[in-house]
mmCIF file of all heavy atoms, coordinates in Angstrom:
data_MODEL
# 
_entry.id   MODEL 
# 
loop_
_atom_site.group_PDB 
_atom_site.id 
_atom_site.type_symbol 
_atom_site.label_atom_id 
_atom_site.label_alt_id 
_atom_site.label_comp_id 
_atom_site.label_asym_id 
_atom_site.label_entity_id 
_atom_site.label_seq_id 
_atom_site.pdbx_PDB_ins_code 
_atom_site.Cartn_x 
_atom_site.Cartn_y 
_atom_site.Cartn_z 
_atom_site.occupancy 
_atom_site.B_iso_or_equiv 
_atom_site.pdbx_formal_charge 
_atom_site.auth_seq_id 
_atom_site.auth_comp_id 
_atom_site.auth_asym_id 
_atom_site.auth_atom_id 
_atom_site.pdbx_PDB_model_num 
ATOM 1   N N   . VAL A 1 1  ? -62.405 12.045 -27.576 1.00 0.00 ? 1  VAL A N   1 
ATOM 2   C CA  . VAL A 1 1  ? -61.102 12.226 -26.944 1.00 0.00 ? 1  VAL A CA  1 
ATOM 3   C C   . VAL A 1 1  ? -60.119 11.301 -27.654 1.00 0.00 ? 1  VAL A C   1 
ATOM 4   O O   . VAL A 1 1  ? -60.385 10.119 -27.850 1.00 0.00 ? 1  VAL A O   1 
ATOM 5   C CB  . VAL A 1 1  ? -61.142 11.899 -25.439 1.00 0.00 ? 1  VAL A CB  1 
ATOM 6   C CG1 . VAL A 1 1  ? -59.756 12.044 -24.822 1.00 0.00 ? 1  VAL A CG1 1 
ATOM 7   C CG2 . VAL A 1 1  ? -62.154 12.781 -24.727 1.00 0.00 ? 1  VAL A CG2 1 
ATOM 8   N N   . ALA A 1 2  ? -58.977 11.857 -28.046 1.00 0.00 ? 2  ALA A N   1 
ATOM 9   C CA  . ALA A 1 2  ? -57.960 11.070 -28.737 1.00 0.00 ? 2  ALA A CA  1 
ATOM 10  C C   . ALA A 1 2  ? -56.591 11.394 -28.149 1.00 0.00 ? 2  ALA A C   1 
ATOM 11  O O   . ALA A 1 2  ? -56.415 12.363 -27.399 1.00 0.00 ? 2  ALA A O   1 
ATOM 12  C CB  . ALA A 1 2  ? -57.979 11.370 -30.243 1.00 0.00 ? 2  ALA A CB  1 
ATOM 13  N N   . ILE A 1 3  ? -55.614 10.574 -28.486 1.00 0.00 ? 3  ILE A N   1 
ATOM 14  C CA  . ILE A 1 3  ? -54.233 10.880 -28.116 1.00 0.00 ? 3  ILE A CA  1 
ATOM 15  C C   . ILE A 1 3  ? -53.567 11.552 -29.310 1.00 0.00 ? 3  ILE A C   1 
ATOM 16  O O   . ILE A 1 3  ? -54.004 11.403 -30.450 1.00 0.00 ? 3  ILE A O   1 
ATOM 17  C CB  . ILE A 1 3  ? -53.454 9.617  -27.700 1.00 0.00 ? 3  ILE A CB  1 
ATOM 18  C CG1 . ILE A 1 3  ? -53.327 8.639  -28.881 1.00 0.00 ? 3  ILE A CG1 1 
ATOM 19  C CG2 . ILE A 1 3  ? -54.131 8.952  -26.519 1.00 0.00 ? 3  ILE A CG2 1 
ATOM 20  C CD1 . ILE A 1 3  ? -52.413 7.455  -28.602 1.00 0.00 ? 3  ILE A CD1 1 
ATOM 21  N N   . GLY A 1 4  ? -52.496 12.304 -29.044 1.00 0.00 ? 4  GLY A N   1 
ATOM 22  C CA  . GLY A 1 4  ? -51.845 12.964 -30.155 1.00 0.00 ? 4  GLY A CA  1 
ATOM 23  C C   . GLY A 1 4  ? -50.548 13.641 -29.782 1.00 0.00 ? 4  GLY A C   1 
ATOM 24  O O   . GLY A 1 4  ? -50.088 13.586 -28.639 1.00 0.00 ? 4  GLY A O   1 
ATOM 25  N N   . ILE A 1 5  ? -49.964 14.273 -30.783 1.00 0.00 ? 5  ILE A N   1 
ATOM 26  C CA  . ILE A 1 5  ? -48.735 15.035 -30.615 1.00 0.00 ? 5  ILE A CA  1 
ATOM 27  C C   . ILE A 1 5  ? -48.953 16.415 -31.230 1.00 0.00 ? 5  ILE A C   1 
ATOM 28  O O   . ILE A 1 5  ? -49.310 16.522 -32.410 1.00 0.00 ? 5  ILE A O   1 
ATOM 29  C CB  . ILE A 1 5  ? -47.529 14.355 -31.287 1.00 0.00 ? 5  ILE A CB  1 
ATOM 30  C CG1 . ILE A 1 5  ? -47.244 13.001 -30.650 1.00 0.00 ? 5  ILE A CG1 1 
ATOM 31  C CG2 . ILE A 1 5  ? -46.293 15.249 -31.224 1.00 0.00 ? 5  ILE A CG2 1 
ATOM 32  C CD1 . ILE A 1 5  ? -46.134 12.210 -31.333 1.00 0.00 ? 5  ILE A CD1 1 
ATOM 33  N N   . GLU A 1 6  ? -48.741 17.455 -30.419 1.00 0.00 ? 6  GLU A N   1 
ATOM 34  C CA  . GLU A 1 6  ? -48.730 18.800 -30.980 1.00 0.00 ? 6  GLU A CA  1 
ATOM 35  C C   . GLU A 1 6  ? -47.321 19.126 -31.434 1.00 0.00 ? 6  GLU A C   1 
ATOM 36  O O   . GLU A 1 6  ? -46.352 18.864 -30.717 1.00 0.00 ? 6  GLU A O   1 
ATOM 37  C CB  . GLU A 1 6  ? -49.170 19.862 -29.966 1.00 0.00 ? 6  GLU A CB  1 
ATOM 38  C CG  . GLU A 1 6  ? -49.235 21.248 -30.630 1.00 0.00 ? 6  GLU A CG  1 
ATOM 39  C CD  . GLU A 1 6  ? -49.082 22.421 -29.697 1.00 0.00 ? 6  GLU A CD  1 
ATOM 40  O OE1 . GLU A 1 6  ? -49.196 22.247 -28.469 1.00 0.00 ? 6  GLU A OE1 1 
ATOM 41  O OE2 . GLU A 1 6  ? -48.820 23.526 -30.200 1.00 0.00 ? 6  GLU A OE2 1 
ATOM 42  N N   . ILE A 1 7  ? -47.215 19.684 -32.630 1.00 0.00 ? 7  ILE A N   1 
ATOM 43  C CA  . ILE A 1 7  ? -45.937 20.156 -33.130 1.00 0.00 ? 7  ILE A CA  1 
ATOM 44  C C   . ILE A 1 7  ? -45.892 21.665 -32.927 1.00 0.00 ? 7  ILE A C   1 
ATOM 45  O O   . ILE A 1 7  ? -46.648 22.422 -33.548 1.00 0.00 ? 7  ILE A O   1 
ATOM 46  C CB  . ILE A 1 7  ? -45.743 19.815 -34.613 1.00 0.00 ? 7  ILE A CB  1 
ATOM 47  C CG1 . ILE A 1 7  ? -45.801 18.297 -34.823 1.00 0.00 ? 7  ILE A CG1 1 
ATOM 48  C CG2 . ILE A 1 7  ? -44.427 20.397 -35.122 1.00 0.00 ? 7  ILE A CG2 1 
ATOM 49  C CD1 . ILE A 1 7  ? -44.750 17.514 -34.066 1.00 0.00 ? 7  ILE A CD1 1 
ATOM 50  N N   . ALA A 1 8  ? -45.027 22.086 -32.029 1.00 0.00 ? 8  ALA A N   1 
ATOM 51  C CA  . ALA A 1 8  ? -44.821 23.515 -31.800 1.00 0.00 ? 8  ALA A CA  1 
ATOM 52  C C   . ALA A 1 8  ? -43.686 23.973 -32.700 1.00 0.00 ? 8  ALA A C   1 
ATOM 53  O O   . ALA A 1 8  ? -42.636 23.330 -32.752 1.00 0.00 ? 8  ALA A O   1 
ATOM 54  C CB  . ALA A 1 8  ? -44.476 23.777 -30.338 1.00 0.00 ? 8  ALA A CB  1 
ATOM 55  N N   . SER A 1 9  ? -43.898 25.061 -33.426 1.00 0.00 ? 9  SER A N   1 
ATOM 56  C CA  . SER A 1 9  ? -42.829 25.589 -34.265 1.00 0.00 ? 9  SER A CA  1 
ATOM 57  C C   . SER A 1 9  ? -43.142 27.026 -34.612 1.00 0.00 ? 9  SER A C   1 
ATOM 58  O O   . SER A 1 9  ? -44.310 27.398 -34.809 1.00 0.00 ? 9  SER A O   1 
ATOM 59  C CB  . SER A 1 9  ? -42.661 24.755 -35.538 1.00 0.00 ? 9  SER A CB  1 
ATOM 60  O OG  . SER A 1 9  ? -41.487 25.147 -36.243 1.00 0.00 ? 9  SER A OG  1 
ATOM 61  N N   . SER A 1 10 ? -42.102 27.830 -34.692 1.00 0.00 ? 10 SER A N   1 
ATOM 62  C CA  . SER A 1 10 ? -42.226 29.257 -34.956 1.00 0.00 ? 10 SER A CA  1 
ATOM 63  C C   . SER A 1 10 ? -40.986 29.737 -35.688 1.00 0.00 ? 10 SER A C   1 
ATOM 64  O O   . SER A 1 10 ? -39.897 29.178 -35.498 1.00 0.00 ? 10 SER A O   1 
ATOM 65  C CB  . SER A 1 10 ? -42.374 30.027 -33.635 1.00 0.00 ? 10 SER A CB  1 
ATOM 66  O OG  . SER A 1 10 ? -42.184 31.422 -33.825 1.00 0.00 ? 10 SER A OG  1 
ATOM 67  N N   . PRO A 1 11 ? -41.118 30.786 -36.505 1.00 0.00 ? 11 PRO A N   1 
ATOM 68  C CA  . PRO A 1 11 ? -39.923 31.387 -37.093 1.00 0.00 ? 11 PRO A CA  1 
ATOM 69  C C   . PRO A 1 11 ? -38.995 31.974 -36.025 1.00 0.00 ? 11 PRO A C   1 
ATOM 70  O O   . PRO A 1 11 ? -37.794 32.112 -36.253 1.00 0.00 ? 11 PRO A O   1 
ATOM 71  C CB  . PRO A 1 11 ? -40.479 32.503 -37.989 1.00 0.00 ? 11 PRO A CB  1 
ATOM 72  C CG  . PRO A 1 11 ? -41.910 32.166 -38.196 1.00 0.00 ? 11 PRO A CG  1 
ATOM 73  C CD  . PRO A 1 11 ? -42.340 31.441 -36.968 1.00 0.00 ? 11 PRO A CD  1 
ATOM 74  N N   . LEU A 1 12 ? -39.558 32.323 -34.866 1.00 0.00 ? 12 LEU A N   1 
ATOM 75  C CA  . LEU A 1 12 ? -38.790 32.938 -33.786 1.00 0.00 ? 12 LEU A CA  1 
ATOM 76  C C   . LEU A 1 12 ? -38.024 31.864 -33.014 1.00 0.00 ? 12 LEU A C   1 
ATOM 77  O O   . LEU A 1 12 ? -38.610 31.054 -32.297 1.00 0.00 ? 12 LEU A O   1 
ATOM 78  C CB  . LEU A 1 12 ? -39.710 33.690 -32.839 1.00 0.00 ? 12 LEU A CB  1 
ATOM 79  C CG  . LEU A 1 12 ? -40.369 34.945 -33.413 1.00 0.00 ? 12 LEU A CG  1 
ATOM 80  C CD1 . LEU A 1 12 ? -41.601 35.323 -32.601 1.00 0.00 ? 12 LEU A CD1 1 
ATOM 81  C CD2 . LEU A 1 12 ? -39.372 36.086 -33.454 1.00 0.00 ? 12 LEU A CD2 1 
ATOM 82  N N   . ARG A 1 13 ? -36.733 31.857 -33.147 1.00 0.00 ? 13 ARG A N   1 
ATOM 83  C CA  . ARG A 1 13 ? -35.925 30.815 -32.496 1.00 0.00 ? 13 ARG A CA  1 
ATOM 84  C C   . ARG A 1 13 ? -36.068 30.858 -30.977 1.00 0.00 ? 13 ARG A C   1 
ATOM 85  O O   . ARG A 1 13 ? -36.050 29.835 -30.302 1.00 0.00 ? 13 ARG A O   1 
ATOM 86  C CB  . ARG A 1 13 ? -34.445 30.993 -32.867 1.00 0.00 ? 13 ARG A CB  1 
ATOM 87  C CG  . ARG A 1 13 ? -34.165 30.963 -34.357 1.00 0.00 ? 13 ARG A CG  1 
ATOM 88  C CD  . ARG A 1 13 ? -32.672 31.095 -34.626 1.00 0.00 ? 13 ARG A CD  1 
ATOM 89  N NE  . ARG A 1 13 ? -32.421 31.333 -36.044 1.00 0.00 ? 13 ARG A NE  1 
ATOM 90  C CZ  . ARG A 1 13 ? -32.176 32.539 -36.568 1.00 0.00 ? 13 ARG A CZ  1 
ATOM 91  N NH1 . ARG A 1 13 ? -32.132 33.589 -35.772 1.00 0.00 ? 13 ARG A NH1 1 
ATOM 92  N NH2 . ARG A 1 13 ? -31.951 32.681 -37.851 1.00 0.00 ? 13 ARG A NH2 1 
ATOM 93  N N   . ALA A 1 14 ? -36.208 32.060 -30.441 1.00 0.00 ? 14 ALA A N   1 
ATOM 94  C CA  . ALA A 1 14 ? -36.255 32.225 -28.981 1.00 0.00 ? 14 ALA A CA  1 
ATOM 95  C C   . ALA A 1 14 ? -37.666 32.488 -28.481 1.00 0.00 ? 14 ALA A C   1 
ATOM 96  O O   . ALA A 1 14 ? -37.843 33.089 -27.421 1.00 0.00 ? 14 ALA A O   1 
ATOM 97  C CB  . ALA A 1 14 ? -35.326 33.366 -28.566 1.00 0.00 ? 14 ALA A CB  1 
ATOM 98  N N   . ILE A 1 15 ? -38.686 32.017 -29.190 1.00 0.00 ? 15 ILE A N   1 
ATOM 99  C CA  . ILE A 1 15 ? -40.063 32.380 -28.855 1.00 0.00 ? 15 ILE A CA  1 
ATOM 100 C C   . ILE A 1 15 ? -40.407 32.063 -27.397 1.00 0.00 ? 15 ILE A C   1 
ATOM 101 O O   . ILE A 1 15 ? -41.089 32.858 -26.739 1.00 0.00 ? 15 ILE A O   1 
ATOM 102 C CB  . ILE A 1 15 ? -41.075 31.710 -29.817 1.00 0.00 ? 15 ILE A CB  1 
ATOM 103 C CG1 . ILE A 1 15 ? -42.496 32.252 -29.545 1.00 0.00 ? 15 ILE A CG1 1 
ATOM 104 C CG2 . ILE A 1 15 ? -41.011 30.190 -29.748 1.00 0.00 ? 15 ILE A CG2 1 
ATOM 105 C CD1 . ILE A 1 15 ? -43.505 31.872 -30.598 1.00 0.00 ? 15 ILE A CD1 1 
ATOM 106 N N   . ASN A 1 16 ? -39.937 30.957 -26.885 1.00 0.00 ? 16 ASN A N   1 
ATOM 107 C CA  . ASN A 1 16 ? -40.297 30.584 -25.517 1.00 0.00 ? 16 ASN A CA  1 
ATOM 108 C C   . ASN A 1 16 ? -39.569 31.404 -24.458 1.00 0.00 ? 16 ASN A C   1 
ATOM 109 O O   . ASN A 1 16 ? -39.859 31.286 -23.268 1.00 0.00 ? 16 ASN A O   1 
ATOM 110 C CB  . ASN A 1 16 ? -40.058 29.090 -25.285 1.00 0.00 ? 16 ASN A CB  1 
ATOM 111 C CG  . ASN A 1 16 ? -41.197 28.250 -25.829 1.00 0.00 ? 16 ASN A CG  1 
ATOM 112 O OD1 . ASN A 1 16 ? -42.154 28.771 -26.386 1.00 0.00 ? 16 ASN A OD1 1 
ATOM 113 N ND2 . ASN A 1 16 ? -41.103 26.948 -25.680 1.00 0.00 ? 16 ASN A ND2 1 
ATOM 114 N N   . ASP A 1 17 ? -38.618 32.220 -24.894 1.00 0.00 ? 17 ASP A N   1 
ATOM 115 C CA  . ASP A 1 17 ? -37.906 33.093 -23.959 1.00 0.00 ? 17 ASP A CA  1 
ATOM 116 C C   . ASP A 1 17 ? -38.451 34.516 -23.982 1.00 0.00 ? 17 ASP A C   1 
ATOM 117 O O   . ASP A 1 17 ? -38.002 35.357 -23.194 1.00 0.00 ? 17 ASP A O   1 
ATOM 118 C CB  . ASP A 1 17 ? -36.413 33.135 -24.302 1.00 0.00 ? 17 ASP A CB  1 
ATOM 119 C CG  . ASP A 1 17 ? -35.760 31.765 -24.247 1.00 0.00 ? 17 ASP A CG  1 
ATOM 120 O OD1 . ASP A 1 17 ? -36.135 30.977 -23.356 1.00 0.00 ? 17 ASP A OD1 1 
ATOM 121 O OD2 . ASP A 1 17 ? -34.895 31.491 -25.100 1.00 0.00 ? 17 ASP A OD2 1 
ATOM 122 N N   . LEU A 1 18 ? -39.411 34.793 -24.865 1.00 0.00 ? 18 LEU A N   1 
ATOM 123 C CA  . LEU A 1 18 ? -39.886 36.162 -25.072 1.00 0.00 ? 18 LEU A CA  1 
ATOM 124 C C   . LEU A 1 18 ? -41.206 36.460 -24.372 1.00 0.00 ? 18 LEU A C   1 
ATOM 125 O O   . LEU A 1 18 ? -41.717 37.568 -24.475 1.00 0.00 ? 18 LEU A O   1 
ATOM 126 C CB  . LEU A 1 18 ? -40.028 36.437 -26.585 1.00 0.00 ? 18 LEU A CB  1 
ATOM 127 C CG  . LEU A 1 18 ? -38.725 36.305 -27.384 1.00 0.00 ? 18 LEU A CG  1 
ATOM 128 C CD1 . LEU A 1 18 ? -38.994 36.531 -28.868 1.00 0.00 ? 18 LEU A CD1 1 
ATOM 129 C CD2 . LEU A 1 18 ? -37.679 37.278 -26.875 1.00 0.00 ? 18 LEU A CD2 1 
ATOM 130 N N   . GLY A 1 19 ? -41.748 35.488 -23.669 1.00 0.00 ? 19 GLY A N   1 
ATOM 131 C CA  . GLY A 1 19 ? -42.950 35.727 -22.879 1.00 0.00 ? 19 GLY A CA  1 
ATOM 132 C C   . GLY A 1 19 ? -44.233 35.263 -23.534 1.00 0.00 ? 19 GLY A C   1 
ATOM 133 O O   . GLY A 1 19 ? -44.308 35.098 -24.750 1.00 0.00 ? 19 GLY A O   1 
ATOM 134 N N   . PRO A 1 20 ? -45.286 35.035 -22.718 1.00 0.00 ? 20 PRO A N   1 
ATOM 135 C CA  . PRO A 1 20 ? -46.553 34.495 -23.223 1.00 0.00 ? 20 PRO A CA  1 
ATOM 136 C C   . PRO A 1 20 ? -47.231 35.374 -24.272 1.00 0.00 ? 20 PRO A C   1 
ATOM 137 O O   . PRO A 1 20 ? -47.866 34.851 -25.192 1.00 0.00 ? 20 PRO A O   1 
ATOM 138 C CB  . PRO A 1 20 ? -47.418 34.392 -21.961 1.00 0.00 ? 20 PRO A CB  1 
ATOM 139 C CG  . PRO A 1 20 ? -46.450 34.350 -20.834 1.00 0.00 ? 20 PRO A CG  1 
ATOM 140 C CD  . PRO A 1 20 ? -45.283 35.190 -21.258 1.00 0.00 ? 20 PRO A CD  1 
ATOM 141 N N   . ALA A 1 21 ? -47.138 36.700 -24.154 1.00 0.00 ? 21 ALA A N   1 
ATOM 142 C CA  . ALA A 1 21 ? -47.806 37.576 -25.118 1.00 0.00 ? 21 ALA A CA  1 
ATOM 143 C C   . ALA A 1 21 ? -47.216 37.404 -26.509 1.00 0.00 ? 21 ALA A C   1 
ATOM 144 O O   . ALA A 1 21 ? -47.941 37.419 -27.522 1.00 0.00 ? 21 ALA A O   1 
ATOM 145 C CB  . ALA A 1 21 ? -47.716 39.034 -24.671 1.00 0.00 ? 21 ALA A CB  1 
ATOM 146 N N   . VAL A 1 22 ? -45.900 37.220 -26.597 1.00 0.00 ? 22 VAL A N   1 
ATOM 147 C CA  . VAL A 1 22 ? -45.262 36.959 -27.882 1.00 0.00 ? 22 VAL A CA  1 
ATOM 148 C C   . VAL A 1 22 ? -45.699 35.603 -28.422 1.00 0.00 ? 22 VAL A C   1 
ATOM 149 O O   . VAL A 1 22 ? -46.007 35.459 -29.607 1.00 0.00 ? 22 VAL A O   1 
ATOM 150 C CB  . VAL A 1 22 ? -43.721 37.030 -27.745 1.00 0.00 ? 22 VAL A CB  1 
ATOM 151 C CG1 . VAL A 1 22 ? -43.035 36.417 -28.963 1.00 0.00 ? 22 VAL A CG1 1 
ATOM 152 C CG2 . VAL A 1 22 ? -43.284 38.477 -27.573 1.00 0.00 ? 22 VAL A CG2 1 
ATOM 153 N N   . THR A 1 23 ? -45.742 34.598 -27.558 1.00 0.00 ? 23 THR A N   1 
ATOM 154 C CA  . THR A 1 23 ? -46.203 33.273 -27.989 1.00 0.00 ? 23 THR A CA  1 
ATOM 155 C C   . THR A 1 23 ? -47.605 33.351 -28.567 1.00 0.00 ? 23 THR A C   1 
ATOM 156 O O   . THR A 1 23 ? -47.894 32.785 -29.633 1.00 0.00 ? 23 THR A O   1 
ATOM 157 C CB  . THR A 1 23 ? -46.176 32.288 -26.810 1.00 0.00 ? 23 THR A CB  1 
ATOM 158 O OG1 . THR A 1 23 ? -44.828 32.164 -26.338 1.00 0.00 ? 23 THR A OG1 1 
ATOM 159 C CG2 . THR A 1 23 ? -46.683 30.918 -27.219 1.00 0.00 ? 23 THR A CG2 1 
ATOM 160 N N   . VAL A 1 24 ? -48.504 34.053 -27.886 1.00 0.00 ? 24 VAL A N   1 
ATOM 161 C CA  . VAL A 1 24 ? -49.874 34.221 -28.372 1.00 0.00 ? 24 VAL A CA  1 
ATOM 162 C C   . VAL A 1 24 ? -49.878 34.864 -29.747 1.00 0.00 ? 24 VAL A C   1 
ATOM 163 O O   . VAL A 1 24 ? -50.624 34.451 -30.654 1.00 0.00 ? 24 VAL A O   1 
ATOM 164 C CB  . VAL A 1 24 ? -50.698 35.063 -27.377 1.00 0.00 ? 24 VAL A CB  1 
ATOM 165 C CG1 . VAL A 1 24 ? -51.985 35.576 -28.017 1.00 0.00 ? 24 VAL A CG1 1 
ATOM 166 C CG2 . VAL A 1 24 ? -51.024 34.240 -26.140 1.00 0.00 ? 24 VAL A CG2 1 
ATOM 167 N N   . SER A 1 25 ? -49.055 35.893 -29.943 1.00 0.00 ? 25 SER A N   1 
ATOM 168 C CA  . SER A 1 25 ? -49.092 36.642 -31.197 1.00 0.00 ? 25 SER A CA  1 
ATOM 169 C C   . SER A 1 25 ? -48.716 35.797 -32.390 1.00 0.00 ? 25 SER A C   1 
ATOM 170 O O   . SER A 1 25 ? -49.180 36.045 -33.509 1.00 0.00 ? 25 SER A O   1 
ATOM 171 C CB  . SER A 1 25 ? -48.170 37.862 -31.108 1.00 0.00 ? 25 SER A CB  1 
ATOM 172 O OG  . SER A 1 25 ? -46.795 37.496 -31.144 1.00 0.00 ? 25 SER A OG  1 
ATOM 173 N N   . ASP A 1 26 ? -47.883 34.772 -32.210 1.00 0.00 ? 26 ASP A N   1 
ATOM 174 C CA  . ASP A 1 26 ? -47.469 33.908 -33.316 1.00 0.00 ? 26 ASP A CA  1 
ATOM 175 C C   . ASP A 1 26 ? -48.177 32.563 -33.236 1.00 0.00 ? 26 ASP A C   1 
ATOM 176 O O   . ASP A 1 26 ? -47.555 31.497 -33.112 1.00 0.00 ? 26 ASP A O   1 
ATOM 177 C CB  . ASP A 1 26 ? -45.954 33.716 -33.307 1.00 0.00 ? 26 ASP A CB  1 
ATOM 178 C CG  . ASP A 1 26 ? -45.461 32.998 -34.563 1.00 0.00 ? 26 ASP A CG  1 
ATOM 179 O OD1 . ASP A 1 26 ? -46.080 33.167 -35.633 1.00 0.00 ? 26 ASP A OD1 1 
ATOM 180 O OD2 . ASP A 1 26 ? -44.476 32.249 -34.464 1.00 0.00 ? 26 ASP A OD2 1 
ATOM 181 N N   . PHE A 1 27 ? -49.502 32.613 -33.292 1.00 0.00 ? 27 PHE A N   1 
ATOM 182 C CA  . PHE A 1 27 ? -50.343 31.411 -33.338 1.00 0.00 ? 27 PHE A CA  1 
ATOM 183 C C   . PHE A 1 27 ? -50.099 30.467 -32.172 1.00 0.00 ? 27 PHE A C   1 
ATOM 184 O O   . PHE A 1 27 ? -50.291 29.254 -32.277 1.00 0.00 ? 27 PHE A O   1 
ATOM 185 C CB  . PHE A 1 27 ? -50.159 30.649 -34.659 1.00 0.00 ? 27 PHE A CB  1 
ATOM 186 C CG  . PHE A 1 27 ? -50.546 31.422 -35.884 1.00 0.00 ? 27 PHE A CG  1 
ATOM 187 C CD1 . PHE A 1 27 ? -49.934 31.173 -37.108 1.00 0.00 ? 27 PHE A CD1 1 
ATOM 188 C CD2 . PHE A 1 27 ? -51.534 32.396 -35.834 1.00 0.00 ? 27 PHE A CD2 1 
ATOM 189 C CE1 . PHE A 1 27 ? -50.294 31.878 -38.242 1.00 0.00 ? 27 PHE A CE1 1 
ATOM 190 C CE2 . PHE A 1 27 ? -51.899 33.105 -36.968 1.00 0.00 ? 27 PHE A CE2 1 
ATOM 191 C CZ  . PHE A 1 27 ? -51.284 32.853 -38.184 1.00 0.00 ? 27 PHE A CZ  1 
# 
């Protein structure tokens, strides 16, 4: 178990507004 930082990033600027299925599709 370690501490860390996840870097979330996507080409889709609005990815978090497009729903979980879209988020899943882009890694």
